[in-house]
PDB file of N, CA and C in Angstrom:
ATOM      1  N   UNK A   1      40.204 -14.351  68.564  1.00  0.00           N
ATOM      2  CA  UNK A   1      39.514 -13.656  69.633  1.00  0.00           C
ATOM      3  C   UNK A   1      38.061 -14.071  69.726  1.00  0.00           C
ATOM      4  N   UNK A   2      37.428 -14.157  68.587  1.00  0.00           N
ATOM      5  CA  UNK A   2      36.017 -14.476  68.586  1.00  0.00           C
ATOM      6  C   UNK A   2      35.781 -15.880  69.148  1.00  0.00           C
ATOM      7  N   UNK A   3      36.692 -16.819  68.846  1.00  0.00           N
ATOM      8  CA  UNK A   3      36.547 -18.179  69.358  1.00  0.00           C
ATOM      9  C   UNK A   3      36.681 -18.209  70.875  1.00  0.00           C
ATOM     10  N   UNK A   4      37.564 -17.409  71.421  1.00  0.00           N
ATOM     11  CA  UNK A   4      37.737 -17.376  72.870  1.00  0.00           C
ATOM     12  C   UNK A   4      36.498 -16.816  73.558  1.00  0.00           C
ATOM     13  N   UNK A   5      35.906 -15.790  72.969  1.00  0.00           N
ATOM     14  CA  UNK A   5      34.690 -15.218  73.556  1.00  0.00           C
ATOM     15  C   UNK A   5      33.547 -16.228  73.501  1.00  0.00           C
ATOM     16  N   UNK A   6      33.452 -16.941  72.404  1.00  0.00           N
ATOM     17  CA  UNK A   6      32.416 -17.963  72.285  1.00  0.00           C
ATOM     18  C   UNK A   6      32.631 -19.103  73.262  1.00  0.00           C
ATOM     19  N   UNK A   7      33.898 -19.478  73.453  1.00  0.00           N
ATOM     20  CA  UNK A   7      34.222 -20.533  74.403  1.00  0.00           C
ATOM     21  C   UNK A   7      33.909 -20.098  75.830  1.00  0.00           C
ATOM     22  N   UNK A   8      34.220 -18.851  76.147  1.00  0.00           N
ATOM     23  CA  UNK A   8      33.919 -18.331  77.489  1.00  0.00           C
ATOM     24  C   UNK A   8      32.407 -18.286  77.721  1.00  0.00           C
ATOM     25  N   UNK A   9      31.676 -17.896  76.691  1.00  0.00           N
ATOM     26  CA  UNK A   9      30.213 -17.862  76.802  1.00  0.00           C
ATOM     27  C   UNK A   9      29.658 -19.272  76.998  1.00  0.00           C
ATOM     28  N   UNK A  10      30.194 -20.241  76.286  1.00  0.00           N
ATOM     29  CA  UNK A  10      29.742 -21.625  76.437  1.00  0.00           C
ATOM     30  C   UNK A  10      30.050 -22.150  77.824  1.00  0.00           C
ATOM     31  N   UNK A  11      31.231 -21.828  78.332  1.00  0.00           N
ATOM     32  CA  UNK A  11      31.601 -22.270  79.679  1.00  0.00           C
ATOM     33  C   UNK A  11      30.693 -21.633  80.724  1.00  0.00           C
ATOM     34  N   UNK A  12      30.360 -20.366  80.533  1.00  0.00           N
ATOM     35  CA  UNK A  12      29.468 -19.690  81.478  1.00  0.00           C
ATOM     36  C   UNK A  12      28.092 -20.343  81.473  1.00  0.00           C
ATOM     37  N   UNK A  13      27.598 -20.708  80.306  1.00  0.00           N
ATOM     38  CA  UNK A  13      26.296 -21.379  80.214  1.00  0.00           C
ATOM     39  C   UNK A  13      26.332 -22.750  80.868  1.00  0.00           C
ATOM     40  N   UNK A  14      27.441 -23.469  80.675  1.00  0.00           N
ATOM     41  CA  UNK A  14      27.567 -24.780  81.309  1.00  0.00           C
ATOM     42  C   UNK A  14      27.625 -24.644  82.830  1.00  0.00           C
ATOM     43  N   UNK A  15      28.309 -23.625  83.318  1.00  0.00           N
ATOM     44  CA  UNK A  15      28.371 -23.398  84.758  1.00  0.00           C
ATOM     45  C   UNK A  15      26.989 -23.067  85.320  1.00  0.00           C
ATOM     46  N   UNK A  16      26.240 -22.225  84.611  1.00  0.00           N
ATOM     47  CA  UNK A  16      24.870 -21.909  85.047  1.00  0.00           C
ATOM     48  C   UNK A  16      24.008 -23.152  85.058  1.00  0.00           C
ATOM     49  N   UNK A  17      24.157 -23.991  84.035  1.00  0.00           N
ATOM     50  CA  UNK A  17      23.356 -25.218  83.958  1.00  0.00           C
ATOM     51  C   UNK A  17      23.721 -26.163  85.095  1.00  0.00           C
ATOM     52  N   UNK A  18      25.009 -26.243  85.424  1.00  0.00           N
ATOM     53  CA  UNK A  18      25.428 -27.130  86.503  1.00  0.00           C
ATOM     54  C   UNK A  18      24.920 -26.629  87.853  1.00  0.00           C
ATOM     55  N   UNK A  19      24.885 -25.325  88.038  1.00  0.00           N
ATOM     56  CA  UNK A  19      24.421 -24.771  89.309  1.00  0.00           C
ATOM     57  C   UNK A  19      22.911 -24.849  89.440  1.00  0.00           C
ATOM     58  N   UNK A  20      22.196 -24.467  88.405  1.00  0.00           N
ATOM     59  CA  UNK A  20      20.747 -24.406  88.482  1.00  0.00           C
ATOM     60  C   UNK A  20      20.051 -25.659  87.996  1.00  0.00           C
ATOM     61  N   UNK A  21      20.757 -26.504  87.276  1.00  0.00           N
ATOM     62  CA  UNK A  21      20.153 -27.725  86.778  1.00  0.00           C
ATOM     63  C   UNK A  21      19.386 -27.552  85.480  1.00  0.00           C
ATOM     64  N   UNK A  22      19.255 -26.324  85.007  1.00  0.00           N
ATOM     65  CA  UNK A  22      18.523 -26.105  83.760  1.00  0.00           C
ATOM     66  C   UNK A  22      18.996 -24.804  83.121  1.00  0.00           C
ATOM     67  N   UNK A  23      18.826 -24.741  81.812  1.00  0.00           N
ATOM     68  CA  UNK A  23      19.104 -23.515  81.075  1.00  0.00           C
ATOM     69  C   UNK A  23      17.839 -23.187  80.307  1.00  0.00           C
ATOM     70  N   UNK A  24      17.069 -22.233  80.806  1.00  0.00           N
ATOM     71  CA  UNK A  24      15.792 -21.921  80.159  1.00  0.00           C
ATOM     72  C   UNK A  24      15.752 -20.485  79.681  1.00  0.00           C
ATOM     73  N   UNK A  25      16.915 -19.846  79.618  1.00  0.00           N
ATOM     74  CA  UNK A  25      16.936 -18.436  79.279  1.00  0.00           C
ATOM     75  C   UNK A  25      17.142 -18.162  77.800  1.00  0.00           C
ATOM     76  N   UNK A  26      17.382 -19.188  76.996  1.00  0.00           N
ATOM     77  CA  UNK A  26      17.621 -18.879  75.604  1.00  0.00           C
ATOM     78  C   UNK A  26      16.310 -18.712  74.852  1.00  0.00           C
ATOM     79  N   UNK A  27      16.364 -17.889  73.854  1.00  0.00           N
ATOM     80  CA  UNK A  27      15.155 -17.474  73.138  1.00  0.00           C
ATOM     81  C   UNK A  27      14.488 -18.616  72.388  1.00  0.00           C
ATOM     82  N   UNK A  28      15.273 -19.563  71.890  1.00  0.00           N
ATOM     83  CA  UNK A  28      14.689 -20.657  71.125  1.00  0.00           C
ATOM     84  C   UNK A  28      13.793 -21.529  71.997  1.00  0.00           C
ATOM     85  N   UNK A  29      14.242 -21.849  73.194  1.00  0.00           N
ATOM     86  CA  UNK A  29      13.411 -22.685  74.065  1.00  0.00           C
ATOM     87  C   UNK A  29      12.150 -21.935  74.504  1.00  0.00           C
ATOM     88  N   UNK A  30      12.261 -20.639  74.728  1.00  0.00           N
ATOM     89  CA  UNK A  30      11.085 -19.864  75.099  1.00  0.00           C
ATOM     90  C   UNK A  30      10.111 -19.749  73.931  1.00  0.00           C
ATOM     91  N   UNK A  31      10.626 -19.584  72.732  1.00  0.00           N
ATOM     92  CA  UNK A  31       9.751 -19.506  71.558  1.00  0.00           C
ATOM     93  C   UNK A  31       9.038 -20.840  71.333  1.00  0.00           C
ATOM     94  N   UNK A  32       9.757 -21.935  71.511  1.00  0.00           N
ATOM     95  CA  UNK A  32       9.136 -23.251  71.352  1.00  0.00           C
ATOM     96  C   UNK A  32       8.051 -23.452  72.398  1.00  0.00           C
ATOM     97  N   UNK A  33       8.332 -23.067  73.638  1.00  0.00           N
ATOM     98  CA  UNK A  33       7.337 -23.200  74.698  1.00  0.00           C
ATOM     99  C   UNK A  33       6.112 -22.332  74.420  1.00  0.00           C
ATOM    100  N   UNK A  34       6.345 -21.133  73.905  1.00  0.00           N
ATOM    101  CA  UNK A  34       5.242 -20.221  73.602  1.00  0.00           C
ATOM    102  C   UNK A  34       4.349 -20.788  72.501  1.00  0.00           C
ATOM    103  N   UNK A  35       4.948 -21.465  71.528  1.00  0.00           N
ATOM    104  CA  UNK A  35       4.162 -22.031  70.429  1.00  0.00           C
ATOM    105  C   UNK A  35       3.543 -23.375  70.806  1.00  0.00           C
ATOM    106  N   UNK A  36       4.255 -24.174  71.584  1.00  0.00           N
ATOM    107  CA  UNK A  36       3.795 -25.538  71.857  1.00  0.00           C
ATOM    108  C   UNK A  36       2.609 -25.589  72.818  1.00  0.00           C
ATOM    109  N   UNK A  37       2.554 -24.696  73.800  1.00  0.00           N
ATOM    110  CA  UNK A  37       1.474 -24.734  74.781  1.00  0.00           C
ATOM    111  C   UNK A  37       0.092 -24.649  74.159  1.00  0.00           C
ATOM    112  N   UNK A  38      -0.198 -23.581  73.422  1.00  0.00           N
ATOM    113  CA  UNK A  38      -1.522 -23.489  72.792  1.00  0.00           C
ATOM    114  C   UNK A  38      -1.784 -24.582  71.760  1.00  0.00           C
ATOM    115  N   UNK A  39      -0.744 -25.021  71.062  1.00  0.00           N
ATOM    116  CA  UNK A  39      -0.941 -26.064  70.044  1.00  0.00           C
ATOM    117  C   UNK A  39      -1.323 -27.387  70.700  1.00  0.00           C
ATOM    118  N   UNK A  40      -0.623 -27.748  71.775  1.00  0.00           N
ATOM    119  CA  UNK A  40      -0.925 -29.015  72.448  1.00  0.00           C
ATOM    120  C   UNK A  40      -2.325 -28.971  73.058  1.00  0.00           C
ATOM    121  N   UNK A  41      -2.656 -27.872  73.731  1.00  0.00           N
ATOM    122  CA  UNK A  41      -3.992 -27.766  74.307  1.00  0.00           C
ATOM    123  C   UNK A  41      -5.056 -27.706  73.213  1.00  0.00           C
ATOM    124  N   UNK A  42      -4.761 -27.018  72.121  1.00  0.00           N
ATOM    125  CA  UNK A  42      -5.704 -26.986  71.003  1.00  0.00           C
ATOM    126  C   UNK A  42      -5.916 -28.367  70.397  1.00  0.00           C
ATOM    127  N   UNK A  43      -4.855 -29.156  70.329  1.00  0.00           N
ATOM    128  CA  UNK A  43      -4.978 -30.518  69.818  1.00  0.00           C
ATOM    129  C   UNK A  43      -5.853 -31.364  70.737  1.00  0.00           C
ATOM    130  N   UNK A  44      -5.688 -31.202  72.041  1.00  0.00           N
ATOM    131  CA  UNK A  44      -6.543 -31.920  72.992  1.00  0.00           C
ATOM    132  C   UNK A  44      -8.004 -31.493  72.802  1.00  0.00           C
ATOM    133  N   UNK A  45      -8.236 -30.195  72.652  1.00  0.00           N
ATOM    134  CA  UNK A  45      -9.590 -29.705  72.404  1.00  0.00           C
ATOM    135  C   UNK A  45     -10.168 -30.232  71.105  1.00  0.00           C
ATOM    136  N   UNK A  46      -9.336 -30.321  70.077  1.00  0.00           N
ATOM    137  CA  UNK A  46      -9.784 -30.853  68.795  1.00  0.00           C
ATOM    138  C   UNK A  46     -10.206 -32.312  68.921  1.00  0.00           C
ATOM    139  N   UNK A  47      -9.415 -33.081  69.696  1.00  0.00           N
ATOM    140  CA  UNK A  47      -9.765 -34.493  69.901  1.00  0.00           C
ATOM    141  C   UNK A  47     -11.086 -34.629  70.656  1.00  0.00           C
ATOM    142  N   UNK A  48     -11.294 -33.768  71.651  1.00  0.00           N
ATOM    143  CA  UNK A  48     -12.569 -33.798  72.378  1.00  0.00           C
ATOM    144  C   UNK A  48     -13.714 -33.410  71.445  1.00  0.00           C
ATOM    145  N   UNK A  49     -13.504 -32.349  70.649  1.00  0.00           N
ATOM    146  CA  UNK A  49     -14.533 -31.926  69.689  1.00  0.00           C
ATOM    147  C   UNK A  49     -14.873 -33.041  68.708  1.00  0.00           C
ATOM    148  N   UNK A  50     -13.857 -33.736  68.255  1.00  0.00           N
ATOM    149  CA  UNK A  50     -14.068 -34.795  67.285  1.00  0.00           C
ATOM    150  C   UNK A  50     -14.867 -35.945  67.884  1.00  0.00           C
ATOM    151  N   UNK A  51     -14.553 -36.294  69.134  1.00  0.00           N
ATOM    152  CA  UNK A  51     -15.263 -37.425  69.740  1.00  0.00           C
ATOM    153  C   UNK A  51     -16.658 -37.026  70.225  1.00  0.00           C
ATOM    154  N   UNK A  52     -16.843 -35.759  70.621  1.00  0.00           N
ATOM    155  CA  UNK A  52     -18.145 -35.312  71.134  1.00  0.00           C
ATOM    156  C   UNK A  52     -18.996 -34.640  70.059  1.00  0.00           C
ATOM    157  N   UNK A  53     -18.431 -34.416  68.877  1.00  0.00           N
ATOM    158  CA  UNK A  53     -19.128 -33.774  67.757  1.00  0.00           C
ATOM    159  C   UNK A  53     -19.704 -32.414  68.175  1.00  0.00           C
ATOM    160  N   UNK A  54     -18.814 -31.552  68.701  1.00  0.00           N
ATOM    161  CA  UNK A  54     -19.239 -30.232  69.185  1.00  0.00           C
ATOM    162  C   UNK A  54     -18.699 -29.094  68.329  1.00  0.00           C
ATOM    163  N   UNK A  55     -18.322 -29.352  67.118  1.00  0.00           N
ATOM    164  CA  UNK A  55     -17.779 -28.286  66.261  1.00  0.00           C
ATOM    165  C   UNK A  55     -16.361 -27.933  66.697  1.00  0.00           C
ATOM    166  N   UNK A  56     -16.121 -26.644  66.904  1.00  0.00           N
ATOM    167  CA  UNK A  56     -14.790 -26.191  67.315  1.00  0.00           C
ATOM    168  C   UNK A  56     -14.781 -25.586  68.711  1.00  0.00           C
ATOM    169  N   UNK A  57     -15.761 -25.889  69.512  1.00  0.00           N
ATOM    170  CA  UNK A  57     -15.908 -25.291  70.829  1.00  0.00           C
ATOM    171  C   UNK A  57     -14.709 -25.574  71.739  1.00  0.00           C
ATOM    172  N   UNK A  58     -14.401 -26.840  71.950  1.00  0.00           N
ATOM    173  CA  UNK A  58     -13.315 -27.187  72.868  1.00  0.00           C
ATOM    174  C   UNK A  58     -11.943 -26.842  72.297  1.00  0.00           C
ATOM    175  N   UNK A  59     -11.796 -26.864  70.989  1.00  0.00           N
ATOM    176  CA  UNK A  59     -10.533 -26.463  70.374  1.00  0.00           C
ATOM    177  C   UNK A  59     -10.213 -25.028  70.752  1.00  0.00           C
ATOM    178  N   UNK A  60     -11.179 -24.145  70.609  1.00  0.00           N
ATOM    179  CA  UNK A  60     -10.966 -22.726  70.918  1.00  0.00           C
ATOM    180  C   UNK A  60     -10.745 -22.533  72.417  1.00  0.00           C
ATOM    181  N   UNK A  61     -11.569 -23.187  73.241  1.00  0.00           N
ATOM    182  CA  UNK A  61     -11.445 -23.034  74.690  1.00  0.00           C
ATOM    183  C   UNK A  61     -10.083 -23.518  75.166  1.00  0.00           C
ATOM    184  N   UNK A  62      -9.658 -24.686  74.733  1.00  0.00           N
ATOM    185  CA  UNK A  62      -8.382 -25.236  75.186  1.00  0.00           C
ATOM    186  C   UNK A  62      -7.199 -24.448  74.629  1.00  0.00           C
ATOM    187  N   UNK A  63      -7.281 -23.979  73.388  1.00  0.00           N
ATOM    188  CA  UNK A  63      -6.187 -23.189  72.816  1.00  0.00           C
ATOM    189  C   UNK A  63      -6.026 -21.867  73.570  1.00  0.00           C
ATOM    190  N   UNK A  64      -7.136 -21.217  73.895  1.00  0.00           N
ATOM    191  CA  UNK A  64      -7.072 -19.965  74.672  1.00  0.00           C
ATOM    192  C   UNK A  64      -6.533 -20.248  76.061  1.00  0.00           C
ATOM    193  N   UNK A  65      -6.962 -21.345  76.669  1.00  0.00           N
ATOM    194  CA  UNK A  65      -6.443 -21.739  77.980  1.00  0.00           C
ATOM    195  C   UNK A  65      -4.932 -21.971  77.920  1.00  0.00           C
ATOM    196  N   UNK A  66      -4.460 -22.636  76.876  1.00  0.00           N
ATOM    197  CA  UNK A  66      -3.020 -22.869  76.700  1.00  0.00           C
ATOM    198  C   UNK A  66      -2.259 -21.573  76.506  1.00  0.00           C
ATOM    199  N   UNK A  67      -2.836 -20.635  75.759  1.00  0.00           N
ATOM    200  CA  UNK A  67      -2.191 -19.343  75.541  1.00  0.00           C
ATOM    201  C   UNK A  67      -2.117 -18.543  76.838  1.00  0.00           C
ATOM    202  N   UNK A  68      -3.209 -18.531  77.601  1.00  0.00           N
ATOM    203  CA  UNK A  68      -3.209 -17.812  78.875  1.00  0.00           C
ATOM    204  C   UNK A  68      -2.228 -18.431  79.865  1.00  0.00           C
ATOM    205  N   UNK A  69      -2.166 -19.748  79.885  1.00  0.00           N
ATOM    206  CA  UNK A  69      -1.203 -20.426  80.759  1.00  0.00           C
ATOM    207  C   UNK A  69       0.231 -20.119  80.380  1.00  0.00           C
ATOM    208  N   UNK A  70       0.519 -20.079  79.090  1.00  0.00           N
ATOM    209  CA  UNK A  70       1.863 -19.749  78.622  1.00  0.00           C
ATOM    210  C   UNK A  70       2.221 -18.312  78.974  1.00  0.00           C
ATOM    211  N   UNK A  71       1.292 -17.391  78.776  1.00  0.00           N
ATOM    212  CA  UNK A  71       1.545 -15.983  79.123  1.00  0.00           C
ATOM    213  C   UNK A  71       1.760 -15.814  80.627  1.00  0.00           C
ATOM    214  N   UNK A  72       0.976 -16.522  81.436  1.00  0.00           N
ATOM    215  CA  UNK A  72       1.152 -16.447  82.890  1.00  0.00           C
ATOM    216  C   UNK A  72       2.512 -17.007  83.297  1.00  0.00           C
ATOM    217  N   UNK A  73       2.927 -18.097  82.666  1.00  0.00           N
ATOM    218  CA  UNK A  73       4.239 -18.670  82.961  1.00  0.00           C
ATOM    219  C   UNK A  73       5.351 -17.682  82.642  1.00  0.00           C
ATOM    220  N   UNK A  74       5.268 -17.039  81.488  1.00  0.00           N
ATOM    221  CA  UNK A  74       6.293 -16.056  81.123  1.00  0.00           C
ATOM    222  C   UNK A  74       6.293 -14.861  82.062  1.00  0.00           C
ATOM    223  N   UNK A  75       5.119 -14.416  82.483  1.00  0.00           N
ATOM    224  CA  UNK A  75       5.032 -13.285  83.397  1.00  0.00           C
ATOM    225  C   UNK A  75       5.679 -13.620  84.737  1.00  0.00           C
ATOM    226  N   UNK A  76       5.339 -14.775  85.309  1.00  0.00           N
ATOM    227  CA  UNK A  76       5.906 -15.160  86.597  1.00  0.00           C
ATOM    228  C   UNK A  76       7.414 -15.399  86.500  1.00  0.00           C
ATOM    229  N   UNK A  77       7.850 -15.998  85.398  1.00  0.00           N
ATOM    230  CA  UNK A  77       9.287 -16.222  85.198  1.00  0.00           C
ATOM    231  C   UNK A  77      10.027 -14.890  85.078  1.00  0.00           C
ATOM    232  N   UNK A  78       9.437 -13.934  84.368  1.00  0.00           N
ATOM    233  CA  UNK A  78      10.043 -12.607  84.226  1.00  0.00           C
ATOM    234  C   UNK A  78      10.125 -11.894  85.568  1.00  0.00           C
ATOM    235  N   UNK A  79       9.046 -11.934  86.341  1.00  0.00           N
ATOM    236  CA  UNK A  79       9.048 -11.280  87.652  1.00  0.00           C
ATOM    237  C   UNK A  79      10.075 -11.906  88.583  1.00  0.00           C
ATOM    238  N   UNK A  80      10.200 -13.218  88.574  1.00  0.00           N
ATOM    239  CA  UNK A  80      11.184 -13.883  89.427  1.00  0.00           C
ATOM    240  C   UNK A  80      12.604 -13.537  89.007  1.00  0.00           C
ATOM    241  N   UNK A  81      12.847 -13.492  87.716  1.00  0.00           N
ATOM    242  CA  UNK A  81      14.199 -13.167  87.229  1.00  0.00           C
ATOM    243  C   UNK A  81      14.578 -11.725  87.540  1.00  0.00           C
ATOM    244  N   UNK A  82      13.654 -10.788  87.357  1.00  0.00           N
ATOM    245  CA  UNK A  82      13.980  -9.391  87.666  1.00  0.00           C
ATOM    246  C   UNK A  82      14.151  -9.195  89.166  1.00  0.00           C
ATOM    247  N   UNK A  83      13.368  -9.898  89.978  1.00  0.00           N
ATOM    248  CA  UNK A  83      13.545  -9.801  91.432  1.00  0.00           C
ATOM    249  C   UNK A  83      14.909 -10.357  91.838  1.00  0.00           C
ATOM    250  N   UNK A  84      15.330 -11.446  91.189  1.00  0.00           N
ATOM    251  CA  UNK A  84      16.641 -12.019  91.481  1.00  0.00           C
ATOM    252  C   UNK A  84      17.759 -11.066  91.083  1.00  0.00           C
ATOM    253  N   UNK A  85      17.624 -10.428  89.939  1.00  0.00           N
ATOM    254  CA  UNK A  85      18.657  -9.508  89.469  1.00  0.00           C
ATOM    255  C   UNK A  85      18.691  -8.222  90.282  1.00  0.00           C
ATOM    256  N   UNK A  86      17.542  -7.773  90.782  1.00  0.00           N
ATOM    257  CA  UNK A  86      17.481  -6.528  91.547  1.00  0.00           C
ATOM    258  C   UNK A  86      17.824  -6.713  93.017  1.00  0.00           C
ATOM    259  N   UNK A  87      18.003  -7.942  93.451  1.00  0.00           N
ATOM    260  CA  UNK A  87      18.269  -8.216  94.859  1.00  0.00           C
ATOM    261  C   UNK A  87      19.539  -7.501  95.320  1.00  0.00           C
ATOM    262  N   UNK A  88      19.395  -6.720  96.387  1.00  0.00           N
ATOM    263  CA  UNK A  88      20.534  -6.015  96.959  1.00  0.00           C
ATOM    264  C   UNK A  88      20.859  -4.687  96.295  1.00  0.00           C
ATOM    265  N   UNK A  89      20.116  -4.313  95.300  1.00  0.00           N
ATOM    266  CA  UNK A  89      20.362  -3.036  94.609  1.00  0.00           C
ATOM    267  C   UNK A  89      19.822  -1.892  95.465  1.00  0.00           C
ATOM    268  N   UNK A  90      20.375  -0.691  95.306  1.00  0.00           N
ATOM    269  CA  UNK A  90      19.951   0.437  96.158  1.00  0.00           C
ATOM    270  C   UNK A  90      18.463   0.779  96.032  1.00  0.00           C
ATOM    271  N   UNK A  91      17.889   0.603  94.868  1.00  0.00           N
ATOM    272  CA  UNK A  91      16.487   0.998  94.692  1.00  0.00           C
ATOM    273  C   UNK A  91      15.513  -0.011  95.291  1.00  0.00           C
ATOM    274  N   UNK A  92      16.018  -1.161  95.745  1.00  0.00           N
ATOM    275  CA  UNK A  92      15.134  -2.150  96.371  1.00  0.00           C
ATOM    276  C   UNK A  92      15.216  -2.143  97.901  1.00  0.00           C
ATOM    277  N   UNK A  93      16.095  -1.340  98.455  1.00  0.00           N
ATOM    278  CA  UNK A  93      16.236  -1.293  99.914  1.00  0.00           C
ATOM    279  C   UNK A  93      15.099  -0.514 100.543  1.00  0.00           C
ATOM    280  N   UNK A  94      14.655  -0.999 101.669  1.00  0.00           N
ATOM    281  CA  UNK A  94      13.596  -0.311 102.410  1.00  0.00           C
ATOM    282  C   UNK A  94      14.234   0.749 103.288  1.00  0.00           C
ATOM    283  N   UNK A  95      13.537   1.875 103.466  1.00  0.00           N
ATOM    284  CA  UNK A  95      14.067   2.984 104.269  1.00  0.00           C
ATOM    285  C   UNK A  95      13.598   2.932 105.699  1.00  0.00           C
ATOM    286  N   UNK A  96      12.756   2.000 106.072  1.00  0.00           N
ATOM    287  CA  UNK A  96      12.227   1.917 107.441  1.00  0.00           C
ATOM    288  C   UNK A  96      13.278   1.411 108.370  1.00  0.00           C
TER     289      UNK A  96
END
């Protein structure tokens, strides 16, 4: 039984991927994106700091920028997904 449920879940994910072209809803990819954004921007800031000899100024600025960008991406993705799921529900209908 458990194998059939897992197979059905895998098929459903493959169908979603074929329809949408991407599967970005799993937690591992979101966790990687959440960690990679600030790290990559922080690395760019570190390289600028190293070449300009400015201490840790650009490292902090770029890392915070990467974190804010990642948070904004998650917020917009969450709002779009909830709007998609709520589409056509009774609580979203206008009474006018």
